[in-house]
Protein backbone atom coordinates (compact mmCIF):
# COMPACT_ATOMS: atom_id res chain seq x y z
CA UNK A 1 0.00 0.00 0.00
CA UNK A 2 1.12 3.55 -0.65
CA UNK A 3 -0.28 6.85 0.62
CA UNK A 4 0.34 10.14 -1.16
CA UNK A 5 2.02 12.59 1.25
CA UNK A 6 2.88 15.25 -1.33
CA UNK A 7 1.37 18.48 -0.02
CA UNK A 8 -0.61 20.22 -2.72
CA UNK A 9 -1.19 17.00 -4.67
CA UNK A 10 -4.73 16.30 -5.90
CA UNK A 11 -4.39 12.83 -4.37
CA UNK A 12 -2.86 13.90 -1.01
CA UNK A 13 -3.87 11.43 1.72
CA UNK A 14 -5.27 8.92 -0.79
CA UNK A 15 -3.99 5.37 -0.97
CA UNK A 16 -3.38 2.71 -3.61
CA UNK A 17 -2.41 -0.91 -3.22
CA UNK A 18 -1.79 -4.15 -5.02
CA UNK A 19 -1.42 -7.77 -3.96
CA UNK A 20 2.03 -9.10 -4.86
CA UNK A 21 2.64 -12.81 -5.07
CA UNK A 22 4.96 -15.46 -6.41
CA UNK A 23 2.20 -16.40 -8.85
CA UNK A 24 1.34 -12.99 -10.30
CA UNK A 25 4.98 -11.76 -10.47
CA UNK A 26 3.86 -8.12 -10.05
CA UNK A 27 5.93 -5.25 -8.71
CA UNK A 28 4.64 -2.07 -7.10
CA UNK A 29 6.42 1.20 -7.88
CA UNK A 30 6.09 3.80 -5.14
CA UNK A 31 7.52 7.22 -6.04
CA UNK A 32 9.15 9.63 -3.62
CA UNK A 33 6.69 11.50 -1.44
CA UNK A 34 4.59 8.45 -0.61
CA UNK A 35 4.36 6.48 2.63
CA UNK A 36 4.36 2.74 2.09
CA UNK A 37 3.73 -0.44 4.00
CA UNK A 38 2.84 -4.06 3.48
CA UNK A 39 0.86 -6.90 5.00
CA UNK A 40 2.16 -10.45 4.56
CA UNK A 41 -0.69 -12.79 3.60
CA UNK A 42 1.33 -16.02 3.60
CA UNK A 43 3.33 -17.98 6.15
CA UNK A 44 6.58 -16.73 4.60
CA UNK A 45 7.55 -13.73 2.51
CA UNK A 46 10.61 -12.17 1.00
CA UNK A 47 10.26 -8.44 0.48
CA UNK A 48 12.82 -6.32 -1.36
CA UNK A 49 13.02 -2.54 -1.72
CA UNK A 50 14.70 -0.68 -4.55
CA UNK A 51 15.40 2.86 -3.36
CA UNK A 52 16.42 6.16 -4.91
CA UNK A 53 19.08 6.84 -2.26
CA UNK A 54 21.02 5.16 0.52
CA UNK A 55 19.18 4.43 3.78
CA UNK A 56 19.39 7.23 6.35
CA UNK A 57 17.86 6.24 9.71
CA UNK A 58 17.42 9.89 10.73
CA UNK A 59 15.14 10.46 7.73
CA UNK A 60 12.58 7.85 8.81
CA UNK A 61 8.99 8.84 9.35
CA UNK A 62 5.64 7.17 9.21
CA UNK A 63 1.94 7.10 9.83
CA UNK A 64 -0.03 4.48 11.71
CA UNK A 65 -1.10 1.58 9.51
CA UNK A 66 -4.79 1.79 10.38
CA UNK A 67 -5.32 5.57 10.29
CA UNK A 68 -9.13 5.92 10.01
CA UNK A 69 -8.81 9.20 8.07
CA UNK A 70 -6.96 7.39 5.28
CA UNK A 71 -9.12 4.26 5.40
CA UNK A 72 -6.78 1.75 3.79
CA UNK A 73 -8.71 -1.41 2.93
CA UNK A 74 -6.15 -3.99 4.00
CA UNK A 75 -6.94 -7.53 2.75
CA UNK A 76 -7.66 -8.86 6.25
CA UNK A 77 -9.70 -11.95 5.38
CA UNK A 78 -8.18 -14.89 7.24
CA UNK A 79 -5.80 -12.66 9.24
CA UNK A 80 -6.18 -13.26 12.98
CA UNK A 81 -3.29 -11.16 14.28
CA UNK A 82 -1.32 -8.14 13.10
CA UNK A 83 2.32 -8.25 14.20
CA UNK A 84 3.96 -4.82 14.25
CA UNK A 85 7.41 -3.71 15.32
CA UNK A 86 7.50 -1.45 18.37
CA UNK A 87 8.50 1.41 16.05
CA UNK A 88 5.51 0.84 13.78
CA UNK A 89 3.11 0.82 16.75
CA UNK A 90 4.18 4.36 17.63
CA UNK A 91 3.60 6.21 14.34
CA UNK A 92 1.03 9.04 14.53
CA UNK A 93 -2.05 9.61 12.41
CA UNK A 94 -1.60 11.74 9.28
CA UNK A 95 -3.66 14.61 10.74
CA UNK A 96 -1.28 14.77 13.74
CA UNK A 97 1.72 15.17 11.44
CA UNK A 98 0.05 18.07 9.63
CA UNK A 99 -0.47 20.16 12.79
PDB file of N, CA and C in Angstrom:
ATOM      1  N   UNK A   1       0.844  -1.163   0.000  1.00  0.00           N
ATOM      2  CA  UNK A   1       0.000   0.000   0.000  1.00  0.00           C
ATOM      3  C   UNK A   1       0.896   1.235   0.000  1.00  0.00           C
ATOM      4  N   UNK A   2       0.397   2.276  -0.611  1.00  0.00           N
ATOM      5  CA  UNK A   2       1.117   3.547  -0.652  1.00  0.00           C
ATOM      6  C   UNK A   2       0.117   4.667  -0.409  1.00  0.00           C
ATOM      7  N   UNK A   3       0.555   5.685   0.327  1.00  0.00           N
ATOM      8  CA  UNK A   3      -0.277   6.848   0.625  1.00  0.00           C
ATOM      9  C   UNK A   3       0.451   8.087   0.134  1.00  0.00           C
ATOM     10  N   UNK A   4      -0.240   8.916  -0.626  1.00  0.00           N
ATOM     11  CA  UNK A   4       0.337  10.145  -1.165  1.00  0.00           C
ATOM     12  C   UNK A   4       0.494  11.178  -0.053  1.00  0.00           C
ATOM     13  N   UNK A   5       1.730  11.583   0.223  1.00  0.00           N
ATOM     14  CA  UNK A   5       2.022  12.589   1.248  1.00  0.00           C
ATOM     15  C   UNK A   5       2.544  13.894   0.645  1.00  0.00           C
ATOM     16  N   UNK A   6       2.391  14.053  -0.648  1.00  0.00           N
ATOM     17  CA  UNK A   6       2.880  15.252  -1.325  1.00  0.00           C
ATOM     18  C   UNK A   6       1.875  16.390  -1.125  1.00  0.00           C
ATOM     19  N   UNK A   7       2.255  17.350  -0.285  1.00  0.00           N
ATOM     20  CA  UNK A   7       1.374  18.482  -0.016  1.00  0.00           C
ATOM     21  C   UNK A   7       1.069  19.215  -1.319  1.00  0.00           C
ATOM     22  N   UNK A   8      -0.189  19.549  -1.506  1.00  0.00           N
ATOM     23  CA  UNK A   8      -0.608  20.220  -2.722  1.00  0.00           C
ATOM     24  C   UNK A   8      -1.032  19.279  -3.827  1.00  0.00           C
ATOM     25  N   UNK A   9      -0.796  17.989  -3.659  1.00  0.00           N
ATOM     26  CA  UNK A   9      -1.186  17.004  -4.670  1.00  0.00           C
ATOM     27  C   UNK A   9      -2.702  16.813  -4.651  1.00  0.00           C
ATOM     28  N   UNK A  10      -3.297  16.582  -5.822  1.00  0.00           N
ATOM     29  CA  UNK A  10      -4.735  16.300  -5.903  1.00  0.00           C
ATOM     30  C   UNK A  10      -5.097  15.006  -5.172  1.00  0.00           C
ATOM     31  N   UNK A  11      -4.120  14.117  -5.016  1.00  0.00           N
ATOM     32  CA  UNK A  11      -4.393  12.835  -4.367  1.00  0.00           C
ATOM     33  C   UNK A  11      -3.776  12.747  -2.970  1.00  0.00           C
ATOM     34  N   UNK A  12      -3.447  13.895  -2.367  1.00  0.00           N
ATOM     35  CA  UNK A  12      -2.862  13.904  -1.015  1.00  0.00           C
ATOM     36  C   UNK A  12      -3.763  13.133  -0.044  1.00  0.00           C
ATOM     37  N   UNK A  13      -3.142  12.213   0.720  1.00  0.00           N
ATOM     38  CA  UNK A  13      -3.870  11.428   1.715  1.00  0.00           C
ATOM     39  C   UNK A  13      -4.638  10.245   1.152  1.00  0.00           C
ATOM     40  N   UNK A  14      -4.612  10.065  -0.157  1.00  0.00           N
ATOM     41  CA  UNK A  14      -5.274   8.919  -0.792  1.00  0.00           C
ATOM     42  C   UNK A  14      -4.293   7.748  -0.865  1.00  0.00           C
ATOM     43  N   UNK A  15      -4.828   6.560  -0.947  1.00  0.00           N
ATOM     44  CA  UNK A  15      -3.987   5.367  -0.969  1.00  0.00           C
ATOM     45  C   UNK A  15      -4.251   4.527  -2.220  1.00  0.00           C
ATOM     46  N   UNK A  16      -3.276   3.690  -2.533  1.00  0.00           N
ATOM     47  CA  UNK A  16      -3.385   2.705  -3.608  1.00  0.00           C
ATOM     48  C   UNK A  16      -2.649   1.457  -3.140  1.00  0.00           C
ATOM     49  N   UNK A  17      -3.069   0.323  -3.628  1.00  0.00           N
ATOM     50  CA  UNK A  17      -2.415  -0.907  -3.217  1.00  0.00           C
ATOM     51  C   UNK A  17      -2.570  -1.998  -4.258  1.00  0.00           C
ATOM     52  N   UNK A  18      -1.759  -3.007  -4.115  1.00  0.00           N
ATOM     53  CA  UNK A  18      -1.788  -4.152  -5.020  1.00  0.00           C
ATOM     54  C   UNK A  18      -1.332  -5.380  -4.233  1.00  0.00           C
ATOM     55  N   UNK A  19      -1.887  -6.517  -4.568  1.00  0.00           N
ATOM     56  CA  UNK A  19      -1.422  -7.766  -3.957  1.00  0.00           C
ATOM     57  C   UNK A  19      -0.294  -8.313  -4.825  1.00  0.00           C
ATOM     58  N   UNK A  20       0.846  -8.544  -4.188  1.00  0.00           N
ATOM     59  CA  UNK A  20       2.031  -9.099  -4.862  1.00  0.00           C
ATOM     60  C   UNK A  20       2.155 -10.559  -4.450  1.00  0.00           C
ATOM     61  N   UNK A  21       2.489 -11.403  -5.410  1.00  0.00           N
ATOM     62  CA  UNK A  21       2.639 -12.814  -5.073  1.00  0.00           C
ATOM     63  C   UNK A  21       3.654 -13.480  -5.991  1.00  0.00           C
ATOM     64  N   UNK A  22       4.066 -14.642  -5.577  1.00  0.00           N
ATOM     65  CA  UNK A  22       4.956 -15.457  -6.409  1.00  0.00           C
ATOM     66  C   UNK A  22       4.263 -15.822  -7.721  1.00  0.00           C
ATOM     67  N   UNK A  23       2.960 -15.996  -7.661  1.00  0.00           N
ATOM     68  CA  UNK A  23       2.204 -16.401  -8.853  1.00  0.00           C
ATOM     69  C   UNK A  23       2.010 -15.254  -9.840  1.00  0.00           C
ATOM     70  N   UNK A  24       1.650 -14.062  -9.343  1.00  0.00           N
ATOM     71  CA  UNK A  24       1.337 -12.987 -10.298  1.00  0.00           C
ATOM     72  C   UNK A  24       2.568 -12.198 -10.754  1.00  0.00           C
ATOM     73  N   UNK A  25       3.696 -12.356 -10.063  1.00  0.00           N
ATOM     74  CA  UNK A  25       4.978 -11.755 -10.468  1.00  0.00           C
ATOM     75  C   UNK A  25       4.929 -10.223 -10.619  1.00  0.00           C
ATOM     76  N   UNK A  26       3.981  -9.573  -9.951  1.00  0.00           N
ATOM     77  CA  UNK A  26       3.856  -8.123 -10.054  1.00  0.00           C
ATOM     78  C   UNK A  26       4.875  -7.414  -9.175  1.00  0.00           C
ATOM     79  N   UNK A  27       5.143  -6.171  -9.523  1.00  0.00           N
ATOM     80  CA  UNK A  27       5.931  -5.254  -8.709  1.00  0.00           C
ATOM     81  C   UNK A  27       5.063  -4.034  -8.454  1.00  0.00           C
ATOM     82  N   UNK A  28       5.418  -3.259  -7.437  1.00  0.00           N
ATOM     83  CA  UNK A  28       4.639  -2.070  -7.102  1.00  0.00           C
ATOM     84  C   UNK A  28       5.605  -0.902  -6.960  1.00  0.00           C
ATOM     85  N   UNK A  29       5.558   0.018  -7.916  1.00  0.00           N
ATOM     86  CA  UNK A  29       6.424   1.196  -7.884  1.00  0.00           C
ATOM     87  C   UNK A  29       5.787   2.261  -6.995  1.00  0.00           C
ATOM     88  N   UNK A  30       6.562   2.747  -6.036  1.00  0.00           N
ATOM     89  CA  UNK A  30       6.092   3.798  -5.135  1.00  0.00           C
ATOM     90  C   UNK A  30       7.062   4.967  -5.256  1.00  0.00           C
ATOM     91  N   UNK A  31       6.622   6.074  -5.842  1.00  0.00           N
ATOM     92  CA  UNK A  31       7.525   7.217  -6.039  1.00  0.00           C
ATOM     93  C   UNK A  31       7.833   7.950  -4.734  1.00  0.00           C
ATOM     94  N   UNK A  32       8.822   8.811  -4.781  1.00  0.00           N
ATOM     95  CA  UNK A  32       9.151   9.632  -3.621  1.00  0.00           C
ATOM     96  C   UNK A  32       7.934  10.459  -3.225  1.00  0.00           C
ATOM     97  N   UNK A  33       7.813  10.712  -1.935  1.00  0.00           N
ATOM     98  CA  UNK A  33       6.693  11.504  -1.439  1.00  0.00           C
ATOM     99  C   UNK A  33       5.505  10.667  -1.009  1.00  0.00           C
ATOM    100  N   UNK A  34       5.666   9.351  -1.016  1.00  0.00           N
ATOM    101  CA  UNK A  34       4.589   8.454  -0.612  1.00  0.00           C
ATOM    102  C   UNK A  34       5.032   7.631   0.591  1.00  0.00           C
ATOM    103  N   UNK A  35       4.129   7.454   1.561  1.00  0.00           N
ATOM    104  CA  UNK A  35       4.359   6.483   2.631  1.00  0.00           C
ATOM    105  C   UNK A  35       4.027   5.108   2.062  1.00  0.00           C
ATOM    106  N   UNK A  36       4.637   4.079   2.604  1.00  0.00           N
ATOM    107  CA  UNK A  36       4.365   2.739   2.093  1.00  0.00           C
ATOM    108  C   UNK A  36       4.456   1.714   3.213  1.00  0.00           C
ATOM    109  N   UNK A  37       3.712   0.653   3.044  1.00  0.00           N
ATOM    110  CA  UNK A  37       3.727  -0.439   4.002  1.00  0.00           C
ATOM    111  C   UNK A  37       3.204  -1.694   3.346  1.00  0.00           C
ATOM    112  N   UNK A  38       3.308  -2.798   4.055  1.00  0.00           N
ATOM    113  CA  UNK A  38       2.836  -4.058   3.482  1.00  0.00           C
ATOM    114  C   UNK A  38       2.287  -4.961   4.569  1.00  0.00           C
ATOM    115  N   UNK A  39       1.448  -5.878   4.154  1.00  0.00           N
ATOM    116  CA  UNK A  39       0.860  -6.903   5.003  1.00  0.00           C
ATOM    117  C   UNK A  39       1.172  -8.242   4.360  1.00  0.00           C
ATOM    118  N   UNK A  40       1.827  -9.120   5.091  1.00  0.00           N
ATOM    119  CA  UNK A  40       2.160 -10.449   4.562  1.00  0.00           C
ATOM    120  C   UNK A  40       0.940 -11.348   4.717  1.00  0.00           C
ATOM    121  N   UNK A  41       0.507 -11.952   3.618  1.00  0.00           N
ATOM    122  CA  UNK A  41      -0.690 -12.788   3.603  1.00  0.00           C
ATOM    123  C   UNK A  41      -0.374 -14.280   3.615  1.00  0.00           C
ATOM    124  N   UNK A  42       0.909 -14.618   3.633  1.00  0.00           N
ATOM    125  CA  UNK A  42       1.326 -16.020   3.603  1.00  0.00           C
ATOM    126  C   UNK A  42       2.151 -16.329   4.851  1.00  0.00           C
ATOM    127  N   UNK A  43       2.512 -17.583   5.008  1.00  0.00           N
ATOM    128  CA  UNK A  43       3.335 -17.982   6.154  1.00  0.00           C
ATOM    129  C   UNK A  43       4.751 -17.434   6.056  1.00  0.00           C
ATOM    130  N   UNK A  44       5.235 -17.245   4.840  1.00  0.00           N
ATOM    131  CA  UNK A  44       6.583 -16.726   4.604  1.00  0.00           C
ATOM    132  C   UNK A  44       6.521 -15.677   3.505  1.00  0.00           C
ATOM    133  N   UNK A  45       7.475 -14.744   3.571  1.00  0.00           N
ATOM    134  CA  UNK A  45       7.546 -13.732   2.508  1.00  0.00           C
ATOM    135  C   UNK A  45       8.960 -13.193   2.428  1.00  0.00           C
ATOM    136  N   UNK A  46       9.361 -12.874   1.225  1.00  0.00           N
ATOM    137  CA  UNK A  46      10.615 -12.165   0.997  1.00  0.00           C
ATOM    138  C   UNK A  46      10.236 -10.850   0.341  1.00  0.00           C
ATOM    139  N   UNK A  47      10.656  -9.755   0.958  1.00  0.00           N
ATOM    140  CA  UNK A  47      10.259  -8.436   0.482  1.00  0.00           C
ATOM    141  C   UNK A  47      11.509  -7.627   0.211  1.00  0.00           C
ATOM    142  N   UNK A  48      11.633  -7.073  -0.977  1.00  0.00           N
ATOM    143  CA  UNK A  48      12.822  -6.316  -1.364  1.00  0.00           C
ATOM    144  C   UNK A  48      12.422  -4.905  -1.778  1.00  0.00           C
ATOM    145  N   UNK A  49      13.206  -3.931  -1.328  1.00  0.00           N
ATOM    146  CA  UNK A  49      13.016  -2.542  -1.722  1.00  0.00           C
ATOM    147  C   UNK A  49      14.090  -2.151  -2.724  1.00  0.00           C
ATOM    148  N   UNK A  50      13.733  -1.338  -3.673  1.00  0.00           N
ATOM    149  CA  UNK A  50      14.698  -0.680  -4.546  1.00  0.00           C
ATOM    150  C   UNK A  50      14.498   0.812  -4.293  1.00  0.00           C
ATOM    151  N   UNK A  51      15.531   1.484  -3.837  1.00  0.00           N
ATOM    152  CA  UNK A  51      15.401   2.862  -3.364  1.00  0.00           C
ATOM    153  C   UNK A  51      16.156   3.845  -4.251  1.00  0.00           C
ATOM    154  N   UNK A  52      15.787   5.111  -4.125  1.00  0.00           N
ATOM    155  CA  UNK A  52      16.425   6.165  -4.912  1.00  0.00           C
ATOM    156  C   UNK A  52      17.678   6.715  -4.240  1.00  0.00           C
ATOM    157  N   UNK A  53      17.924   6.336  -2.983  1.00  0.00           N
ATOM    158  CA  UNK A  53      19.084   6.843  -2.256  1.00  0.00           C
ATOM    159  C   UNK A  53      19.459   5.820  -1.188  1.00  0.00           C
ATOM    160  N   UNK A  54      20.598   6.023  -0.564  1.00  0.00           N
ATOM    161  CA  UNK A  54      21.023   5.162   0.524  1.00  0.00           C
ATOM    162  C   UNK A  54      20.120   5.388   1.736  1.00  0.00           C
ATOM    163  N   UNK A  55      19.992   4.360   2.565  1.00  0.00           N
ATOM    164  CA  UNK A  55      19.175   4.429   3.775  1.00  0.00           C
ATOM    165  C   UNK A  55      19.807   5.392   4.778  1.00  0.00           C
ATOM    166  N   UNK A  56      18.976   6.281   5.314  1.00  0.00           N
ATOM    167  CA  UNK A  56      19.392   7.232   6.346  1.00  0.00           C
ATOM    168  C   UNK A  56      18.406   7.111   7.508  1.00  0.00           C
ATOM    169  N   UNK A  57      18.793   6.455   8.601  1.00  0.00           N
ATOM    170  CA  UNK A  57      17.857   6.237   9.709  1.00  0.00           C
ATOM    171  C   UNK A  57      17.229   7.530  10.243  1.00  0.00           C
ATOM    172  N   UNK A  58      17.957   8.634  10.202  1.00  0.00           N
ATOM    173  CA  UNK A  58      17.424   9.891  10.729  1.00  0.00           C
ATOM    174  C   UNK A  58      16.319  10.472   9.851  1.00  0.00           C
ATOM    175  N   UNK A  59      16.167   9.964   8.646  1.00  0.00           N
ATOM    176  CA  UNK A  59      15.136  10.463   7.730  1.00  0.00           C
ATOM    177  C   UNK A  59      13.830   9.676   7.832  1.00  0.00           C
ATOM    178  N   UNK A  60      13.776   8.682   8.714  1.00  0.00           N
ATOM    179  CA  UNK A  60      12.580   7.854   8.810  1.00  0.00           C
ATOM    180  C   UNK A  60      11.398   8.651   9.346  1.00  0.00           C
ATOM    181  N   UNK A  61      10.242   8.294   8.873  1.00  0.00           N
ATOM    182  CA  UNK A  61       8.988   8.842   9.350  1.00  0.00           C
ATOM    183  C   UNK A  61       7.902   7.848   9.042  1.00  0.00           C
ATOM    184  N   UNK A  62       6.708   8.103   9.504  1.00  0.00           N
ATOM    185  CA  UNK A  62       5.642   7.171   9.207  1.00  0.00           C
ATOM    186  C   UNK A  62       4.304   7.642   9.719  1.00  0.00           C
ATOM    187  N   UNK A  63       3.291   6.911   9.335  1.00  0.00           N
ATOM    188  CA  UNK A  63       1.938   7.105   9.826  1.00  0.00           C
ATOM    189  C   UNK A  63       1.423   5.743  10.267  1.00  0.00           C
ATOM    190  N   UNK A  64       0.495   5.741  11.195  1.00  0.00           N
ATOM    191  CA  UNK A  64      -0.026   4.485  11.714  1.00  0.00           C
ATOM    192  C   UNK A  64      -0.763   3.724  10.610  1.00  0.00           C
ATOM    193  N   UNK A  65      -0.615   2.430  10.599  1.00  0.00           N
ATOM    194  CA  UNK A  65      -1.098   1.580   9.506  1.00  0.00           C
ATOM    195  C   UNK A  65      -2.612   1.611   9.347  1.00  0.00           C
ATOM    196  N   UNK A  66      -3.334   1.859  10.428  1.00  0.00           N
ATOM    197  CA  UNK A  66      -4.794   1.793  10.377  1.00  0.00           C
ATOM    198  C   UNK A  66      -5.449   3.157  10.604  1.00  0.00           C
ATOM    199  N   UNK A  67      -4.808   4.203  10.138  1.00  0.00           N
ATOM    200  CA  UNK A  67      -5.322   5.571  10.290  1.00  0.00           C
ATOM    201  C   UNK A  67      -6.736   5.635   9.699  1.00  0.00           C
ATOM    202  N   UNK A  68      -7.757   5.920  10.522  1.00  0.00           N
ATOM    203  CA  UNK A  68      -9.131   5.924  10.008  1.00  0.00           C
ATOM    204  C   UNK A  68      -9.399   7.046   9.000  1.00  0.00           C
ATOM    205  N   UNK A  69      -8.613   8.106   9.033  1.00  0.00           N
ATOM    206  CA  UNK A  69      -8.807   9.196   8.072  1.00  0.00           C
ATOM    207  C   UNK A  69      -8.358   8.790   6.669  1.00  0.00           C
ATOM    208  N   UNK A  70      -7.427   7.869   6.580  1.00  0.00           N
ATOM    209  CA  UNK A  70      -6.964   7.389   5.277  1.00  0.00           C
ATOM    210  C   UNK A  70      -7.843   6.231   4.807  1.00  0.00           C
ATOM    211  N   UNK A  71      -8.189   5.334   5.711  1.00  0.00           N
ATOM    212  CA  UNK A  71      -9.124   4.257   5.399  1.00  0.00           C
ATOM    213  C   UNK A  71      -8.590   3.191   4.458  1.00  0.00           C
ATOM    214  N   UNK A  72      -7.342   2.810   4.639  1.00  0.00           N
ATOM    215  CA  UNK A  72      -6.784   1.752   3.788  1.00  0.00           C
ATOM    216  C   UNK A  72      -7.589   0.466   3.982  1.00  0.00           C
ATOM    217  N   UNK A  73      -7.967  -0.145   2.894  1.00  0.00           N
ATOM    218  CA  UNK A  73      -8.705  -1.409   2.926  1.00  0.00           C
ATOM    219  C   UNK A  73      -7.712  -2.568   2.835  1.00  0.00           C
ATOM    220  N   UNK A  74      -7.097  -2.883   3.968  1.00  0.00           N
ATOM    221  CA  UNK A  74      -6.146  -3.987   4.005  1.00  0.00           C
ATOM    222  C   UNK A  74      -6.884  -5.293   3.757  1.00  0.00           C
ATOM    223  N   UNK A  75      -6.296  -6.234   3.023  1.00  0.00           N
ATOM    224  CA  UNK A  75      -6.943  -7.530   2.753  1.00  0.00           C
ATOM    225  C   UNK A  75      -6.853  -8.429   3.986  1.00  0.00           C
ATOM    226  N   UNK A  76      -7.754  -8.231   4.938  1.00  0.00           N
ATOM    227  CA  UNK A  76      -7.661  -8.860   6.255  1.00  0.00           C
ATOM    228  C   UNK A  76      -8.352 -10.218   6.360  1.00  0.00           C
ATOM    229  N   UNK A  77      -9.006 -10.674   5.304  1.00  0.00           N
ATOM    230  CA  UNK A  77      -9.705 -11.951   5.383  1.00  0.00           C
ATOM    231  C   UNK A  77      -8.728 -13.065   5.744  1.00  0.00           C
ATOM    232  N   UNK A  78      -9.038 -13.787   6.800  1.00  0.00           N
ATOM    233  CA  UNK A  78      -8.185 -14.887   7.243  1.00  0.00           C
ATOM    234  C   UNK A  78      -7.025 -14.458   8.126  1.00  0.00           C
ATOM    235  N   UNK A  79      -6.883 -13.158   8.374  1.00  0.00           N
ATOM    236  CA  UNK A  79      -5.801 -12.658   9.236  1.00  0.00           C
ATOM    237  C   UNK A  79      -6.332 -12.541  10.658  1.00  0.00           C
ATOM    238  N   UNK A  80      -5.733 -13.279  11.593  1.00  0.00           N
ATOM    239  CA  UNK A  80      -6.179 -13.258  12.985  1.00  0.00           C
ATOM    240  C   UNK A  80      -5.393 -12.275  13.839  1.00  0.00           C
ATOM    241  N   UNK A  81      -4.160 -11.990  13.443  1.00  0.00           N
ATOM    242  CA  UNK A  81      -3.289 -11.164  14.277  1.00  0.00           C
ATOM    243  C   UNK A  81      -2.383 -10.311  13.395  1.00  0.00           C
ATOM    244  N   UNK A  82      -2.256  -9.049  13.759  1.00  0.00           N
ATOM    245  CA  UNK A  82      -1.319  -8.145  13.099  1.00  0.00           C
ATOM    246  C   UNK A  82      -0.092  -8.038  13.990  1.00  0.00           C
ATOM    247  N   UNK A  83       1.071  -8.348  13.448  1.00  0.00           N
ATOM    248  CA  UNK A  83       2.323  -8.252  14.201  1.00  0.00           C
ATOM    249  C   UNK A  83       3.067  -7.028  13.699  1.00  0.00           C
ATOM    250  N   UNK A  84       3.274  -6.060  14.589  1.00  0.00           N
ATOM    251  CA  UNK A  84       3.965  -4.815  14.251  1.00  0.00           C
ATOM    252  C   UNK A  84       5.220  -4.685  15.088  1.00  0.00           C
ATOM    253  N   UNK A  85       6.229  -4.035  14.526  1.00  0.00           N
ATOM    254  CA  UNK A  85       7.411  -3.710  15.317  1.00  0.00           C
ATOM    255  C   UNK A  85       7.008  -2.635  16.336  1.00  0.00           C
ATOM    256  N   UNK A  86       7.785  -2.491  17.373  1.00  0.00           N
ATOM    257  CA  UNK A  86       7.504  -1.447  18.369  1.00  0.00           C
ATOM    258  C   UNK A  86       7.513  -0.069  17.712  1.00  0.00           C
ATOM    259  N   UNK A  87       8.416   0.138  16.775  1.00  0.00           N
ATOM    260  CA  UNK A  87       8.498   1.405  16.055  1.00  0.00           C
ATOM    261  C   UNK A  87       7.213   1.674  15.288  1.00  0.00           C
ATOM    262  N   UNK A  88       6.704   0.652  14.599  1.00  0.00           N
ATOM    263  CA  UNK A  88       5.508   0.838  13.782  1.00  0.00           C
ATOM    264  C   UNK A  88       4.248   1.043  14.620  1.00  0.00           C
ATOM    265  N   UNK A  89       4.251   0.586  15.855  1.00  0.00           N
ATOM    266  CA  UNK A  89       3.111   0.818  16.748  1.00  0.00           C
ATOM    267  C   UNK A  89       3.017   2.278  17.182  1.00  0.00           C
ATOM    268  N   UNK A  90       4.105   3.011  17.084  1.00  0.00           N
ATOM    269  CA  UNK A  90       4.184   4.364  17.632  1.00  0.00           C
ATOM    270  C   UNK A  90       3.929   5.473  16.613  1.00  0.00           C
ATOM    271  N   UNK A  91       3.791   5.158  15.332  1.00  0.00           N
ATOM    272  CA  UNK A  91       3.601   6.213  14.339  1.00  0.00           C
ATOM    273  C   UNK A  91       2.290   6.950  14.583  1.00  0.00           C
ATOM    274  N   UNK A  92       2.251   8.252  14.333  1.00  0.00           N
ATOM    275  CA  UNK A  92       1.030   9.044  14.528  1.00  0.00           C
ATOM    276  C   UNK A  92       0.069   8.910  13.355  1.00  0.00           C
ATOM    277  N   UNK A  93      -1.106   9.501  13.518  1.00  0.00           N
ATOM    278  CA  UNK A  93      -2.052   9.614  12.408  1.00  0.00           C
ATOM    279  C   UNK A  93      -1.572  10.750  11.502  1.00  0.00           C
ATOM    280  N   UNK A  94      -1.996  10.721  10.244  1.00  0.00           N
ATOM    281  CA  UNK A  94      -1.601  11.739   9.284  1.00  0.00           C
ATOM    282  C   UNK A  94      -2.011  13.124   9.760  1.00  0.00           C
ATOM    283  N   UNK A  95      -3.204  13.282  10.302  1.00  0.00           N
ATOM    284  CA  UNK A  95      -3.665  14.605  10.740  1.00  0.00           C
ATOM    285  C   UNK A  95      -2.779  15.170  11.853  1.00  0.00           C
ATOM    286  N   UNK A  96      -2.162  14.311  12.658  1.00  0.00           N
ATOM    287  CA  UNK A  96      -1.283  14.774  13.744  1.00  0.00           C
ATOM    288  C   UNK A  96       0.065  15.245  13.209  1.00  0.00           C
ATOM    289  N   UNK A  97       0.473  14.724  12.069  1.00  0.00           N
ATOM    290  CA  UNK A  97       1.717  15.167  11.444  1.00  0.00           C
ATOM    291  C   UNK A  97       1.533  16.552  10.818  1.00  0.00           C
ATOM    292  N   UNK A  98       0.330  16.817  10.346  1.00  0.00           N
ATOM    293  CA  UNK A  98       0.051  18.068   9.634  1.00  0.00           C
ATOM    294  C   UNK A  98      -0.139  19.256  10.552  1.00  0.00           C
ATOM    295  N   UNK A  99      -0.262  19.035  11.849  1.00  0.00           N
ATOM    296  CA  UNK A  99      -0.475  20.155  12.788  1.00  0.00           C
ATOM    297  C   UNK A  99       0.709  21.063  12.881  1.00  0.00           C
TER     298      UNK A  99
END
